[in-house]
Structures are given as C-alpha cells and as structure tokens.
Amino acid sequence: MKTTAYFRDVVVQKHPGIEEEWIQRVMAEPLEQRRQADGRYA
C-alpha cells in the first residue's frame, strides 16, 4: 500500500492498535469519498 512518510512515521506510531488490513479494506471499499477543491480526497 502506498502511503506518505508522515503516515508511516507518525500516524502509525500514534495509533498502534490500527491494523494495516483495516486501512486496506477501507481504501478498497470506502463508504463515501469527498474531493477537496485542490484535488485531494478528504
């Protein structure tokens, strides 16, 4: 799974209970998507 350095270095360490499989499942089948004005997804 492609992630940013911030996500790998900060978010994962702050939230050790979150499993990578959960993230992959949500990314593959999101309930909703919101695109920001600059093209990024919220």
PDB file of N, CA and C in Angstrom:
ATOM      1  N   MET A   1       0.850  -1.171   0.000  1.00  0.00           N
ATOM      2  CA  MET A   1       0.000   0.000   0.000  1.00  0.00           C
ATOM      3  C   MET A   1       0.893   1.232   0.000  1.00  0.00           C
ATOM      4  N   LYS A   2       0.590   2.173  -0.860  1.00  0.00           N
ATOM      5  CA  LYS A   2       1.356   3.411  -0.953  1.00  0.00           C
ATOM      6  C   LYS A   2       0.883   4.384   0.120  1.00  0.00           C
ATOM      7  N   THR A   3       1.802   4.877   0.944  1.00  0.00           N
ATOM      8  CA  THR A   3       1.470   5.848   1.983  1.00  0.00           C
ATOM      9  C   THR A   3       2.527   6.940   2.019  1.00  0.00           C
ATOM     10  N   THR A   4       2.200   8.022   2.682  1.00  0.00           N
ATOM     11  CA  THR A   4       3.166   9.105   2.840  1.00  0.00           C
ATOM     12  C   THR A   4       4.111   8.782   3.998  1.00  0.00           C
ATOM     13  N   ALA A   5       5.247   9.454   4.008  1.00  0.00           N
ATOM     14  CA  ALA A   5       6.205   9.279   5.104  1.00  0.00           C
ATOM     15  C   ALA A   5       5.568   9.691   6.429  1.00  0.00           C
ATOM     16  N   TYR A   6       4.772  10.749   6.418  1.00  0.00           N
ATOM     17  CA  TYR A   6       4.096  11.192   7.644  1.00  0.00           C
ATOM     18  C   TYR A   6       3.212  10.074   8.195  1.00  0.00           C
ATOM     19  N   PHE A   7       2.458   9.444   7.329  1.00  0.00           N
ATOM     20  CA  PHE A   7       1.576   8.367   7.782  1.00  0.00           C
ATOM     21  C   PHE A   7       2.395   7.227   8.385  1.00  0.00           C
ATOM     22  N   ARG A   8       3.430   6.789   7.685  1.00  0.00           N
ATOM     23  CA  ARG A   8       4.262   5.681   8.174  1.00  0.00           C
ATOM     24  C   ARG A   8       4.983   6.028   9.464  1.00  0.00           C
ATOM     25  N   ASP A   9       5.520   7.242   9.561  1.00  0.00           N
ATOM     26  CA  ASP A   9       6.370   7.603  10.686  1.00  0.00           C
ATOM     27  C   ASP A   9       5.621   8.156  11.891  1.00  0.00           C
ATOM     28  N   VAL A  10       4.502   8.804  11.685  1.00  0.00           N
ATOM     29  CA  VAL A  10       3.807   9.472  12.781  1.00  0.00           C
ATOM     30  C   VAL A  10       2.474   8.801  13.114  1.00  0.00           C
ATOM     31  N   VAL A  11       1.603   8.702  12.144  1.00  0.00           N
ATOM     32  CA  VAL A  11       0.250   8.215  12.414  1.00  0.00           C
ATOM     33  C   VAL A  11       0.267   6.783  12.923  1.00  0.00           C
ATOM     34  N   VAL A  12       1.022   5.924  12.277  1.00  0.00           N
ATOM     35  CA  VAL A  12       1.050   4.515  12.684  1.00  0.00           C
ATOM     36  C   VAL A  12       1.605   4.366  14.096  1.00  0.00           C
ATOM     37  N   GLN A  13       2.585   5.158  14.455  1.00  0.00           N
ATOM     38  CA  GLN A  13       3.150   5.082  15.800  1.00  0.00           C
ATOM     39  C   GLN A  13       2.207   5.661  16.846  1.00  0.00           C
ATOM     40  N   LYS A  14       1.449   6.691  16.491  1.00  0.00           N
ATOM     41  CA  LYS A  14       0.495   7.280  17.431  1.00  0.00           C
ATOM     42  C   LYS A  14      -0.692   6.363  17.690  1.00  0.00           C
ATOM     43  N   HIS A  15      -1.005   5.524  16.723  1.00  0.00           N
ATOM     44  CA  HIS A  15      -2.182   4.653  16.801  1.00  0.00           C
ATOM     45  C   HIS A  15      -1.774   3.201  16.526  1.00  0.00           C
ATOM     46  N   PRO A  16      -1.047   2.588  17.443  1.00  0.00           N
ATOM     47  CA  PRO A  16      -0.537   1.238  17.194  1.00  0.00           C
ATOM     48  C   PRO A  16      -1.623   0.166  17.093  1.00  0.00           C
ATOM     49  N   GLY A  17      -2.828   0.458  17.555  1.00  0.00           N
ATOM     50  CA  GLY A  17      -3.909  -0.519  17.503  1.00  0.00           C
ATOM     51  C   GLY A  17      -4.541  -0.660  16.123  1.00  0.00           C
ATOM     52  N   ILE A  18      -4.266   0.283  15.223  1.00  0.00           N
ATOM     53  CA  ILE A  18      -4.836   0.220  13.883  1.00  0.00           C
ATOM     54  C   ILE A  18      -4.029  -0.765  13.042  1.00  0.00           C
ATOM     55  N   GLU A  19      -4.708  -1.697  12.440  1.00  0.00           N
ATOM     56  CA  GLU A  19      -4.038  -2.708  11.633  1.00  0.00           C
ATOM     57  C   GLU A  19      -4.052  -2.320  10.161  1.00  0.00           C
ATOM     58  N   GLU A  20      -2.975  -2.637   9.452  1.00  0.00           N
ATOM     59  CA  GLU A  20      -2.852  -2.271   8.045  1.00  0.00           C
ATOM     60  C   GLU A  20      -3.975  -2.896   7.208  1.00  0.00           C
ATOM     61  N   GLU A  21      -4.428  -4.078   7.570  1.00  0.00           N
ATOM     62  CA  GLU A  21      -5.514  -4.737   6.833  1.00  0.00           C
ATOM     63  C   GLU A  21      -6.793  -3.910   6.881  1.00  0.00           C
ATOM     64  N   TRP A  22      -7.047  -3.262   8.012  1.00  0.00           N
ATOM     65  CA  TRP A  22      -8.242  -2.413   8.144  1.00  0.00           C
ATOM     66  C   TRP A  22      -8.159  -1.243   7.162  1.00  0.00           C
ATOM     67  N   ILE A  23      -6.993  -0.639   7.103  1.00  0.00           N
ATOM     68  CA  ILE A  23      -6.805   0.511   6.212  1.00  0.00           C
ATOM     69  C   ILE A  23      -6.987   0.084   4.762  1.00  0.00           C
ATOM     70  N   GLN A  24      -6.404  -1.046   4.395  1.00  0.00           N
ATOM     71  CA  GLN A  24      -6.534  -1.538   3.027  1.00  0.00           C
ATOM     72  C   GLN A  24      -7.988  -1.806   2.672  1.00  0.00           C
ATOM     73  N   ARG A  25      -8.749  -2.387   3.613  1.00  0.00           N
ATOM     74  CA  ARG A  25     -10.161  -2.688   3.360  1.00  0.00           C
ATOM     75  C   ARG A  25     -10.959  -1.399   3.138  1.00  0.00           C
ATOM     76  N   VAL A  26     -10.719  -0.396   3.951  1.00  0.00           N
ATOM     77  CA  VAL A  26     -11.440   0.877   3.811  1.00  0.00           C
ATOM     78  C   VAL A  26     -11.062   1.572   2.505  1.00  0.00           C
ATOM     79  N   MET A  27      -9.782   1.521   2.153  1.00  0.00           N
ATOM     80  CA  MET A  27      -9.345   2.148   0.907  1.00  0.00           C
ATOM     81  C   MET A  27      -9.945   1.443  -0.313  1.00  0.00           C
ATOM     82  N   ALA A  28     -10.102   0.131  -0.230  1.00  0.00           N
ATOM     83  CA  ALA A  28     -10.654  -0.635  -1.344  1.00  0.00           C
ATOM     84  C   ALA A  28     -12.164  -0.445  -1.477  1.00  0.00           C
ATOM     85  N   GLU A  29     -12.857  -0.266  -0.341  1.00  0.00           N
ATOM     86  CA  GLU A  29     -14.318  -0.153  -0.353  1.00  0.00           C
ATOM     87  C   GLU A  29     -14.790   0.973   0.567  1.00  0.00           C
ATOM     88  N   PRO A  30     -14.527   2.232   0.193  1.00  0.00           N
ATOM     89  CA  PRO A  30     -14.951   3.349   1.053  1.00  0.00           C
ATOM     90  C   PRO A  30     -16.471   3.501   1.077  1.00  0.00           C
ATOM     91  N   LEU A  31     -16.971   3.969   2.201  1.00  0.00           N
ATOM     92  CA  LEU A  31     -18.405   4.250   2.306  1.00  0.00           C
ATOM     93  C   LEU A  31     -18.759   5.532   1.569  1.00  0.00           C
ATOM     94  N   GLU A  32     -17.801   6.457   1.522  1.00  0.00           N
ATOM     95  CA  GLU A  32     -18.045   7.775   0.931  1.00  0.00           C
ATOM     96  C   GLU A  32     -16.702   8.379   0.541  1.00  0.00           C
ATOM     97  N   GLN A  33     -16.703   9.215  -0.494  1.00  0.00           N
ATOM     98  CA  GLN A  33     -15.489   9.939  -0.894  1.00  0.00           C
ATOM     99  C   GLN A  33     -15.838  11.400  -1.067  1.00  0.00           C
ATOM    100  N   ARG A  34     -14.979  12.272  -0.555  1.00  0.00           N
ATOM    101  CA  ARG A  34     -15.168  13.713  -0.724  1.00  0.00           C
ATOM    102  C   ARG A  34     -13.890  14.291  -1.307  1.00  0.00           C
ATOM    103  N   ARG A  35     -13.995  14.918  -2.443  1.00  0.00           N
ATOM    104  CA  ARG A  35     -12.839  15.526  -3.092  1.00  0.00           C
ATOM    105  C   ARG A  35     -12.764  17.002  -2.729  1.00  0.00           C
ATOM    106  N   GLN A  36     -11.586  17.441  -2.315  1.00  0.00           N
ATOM    107  CA  GLN A  36     -11.386  18.833  -1.942  1.00  0.00           C
ATOM    108  C   GLN A  36     -11.134  19.678  -3.204  1.00  0.00           C
ATOM    109  N   ALA A  37     -11.215  20.979  -3.052  1.00  0.00           N
ATOM    110  CA  ALA A  37     -11.037  21.895  -4.181  1.00  0.00           C
ATOM    111  C   ALA A  37      -9.660  21.739  -4.837  1.00  0.00           C
ATOM    112  N   ASP A  38      -8.650  21.346  -4.050  1.00  0.00           N
ATOM    113  CA  ASP A  38      -7.302  21.203  -4.598  1.00  0.00           C
ATOM    114  C   ASP A  38      -7.053  19.813  -5.202  1.00  0.00           C
ATOM    115  N   GLY A  39      -8.104  18.969  -5.262  1.00  0.00           N
ATOM    116  CA  GLY A  39      -7.977  17.670  -5.892  1.00  0.00           C
ATOM    117  C   GLY A  39      -7.693  16.524  -4.925  1.00  0.00           C
ATOM    118  N   ARG A  40      -7.352  16.837  -3.694  1.00  0.00           N
ATOM    119  CA  ARG A  40      -7.111  15.785  -2.709  1.00  0.00           C
ATOM    120  C   ARG A  40      -8.430  15.254  -2.180  1.00  0.00           C
ATOM    121  N   TYR A  41      -8.373  14.075  -1.607  1.00  0.00           N
ATOM    122  CA  TYR A  41      -9.569  13.487  -1.012  1.00  0.00           C
ATOM    123  C   TYR A  41      -9.551  13.696   0.485  1.00  0.00           C
ATOM    124  N   ALA A  42     -10.701  14.054   1.046  1.00  0.00           N
ATOM    125  CA  ALA A  42     -10.818  14.299   2.485  1.00  0.00           C
ATOM    126  C   ALA A  42     -11.143  13.023   3.192  1.00  0.00           C
TER     127      ALA A  42
END
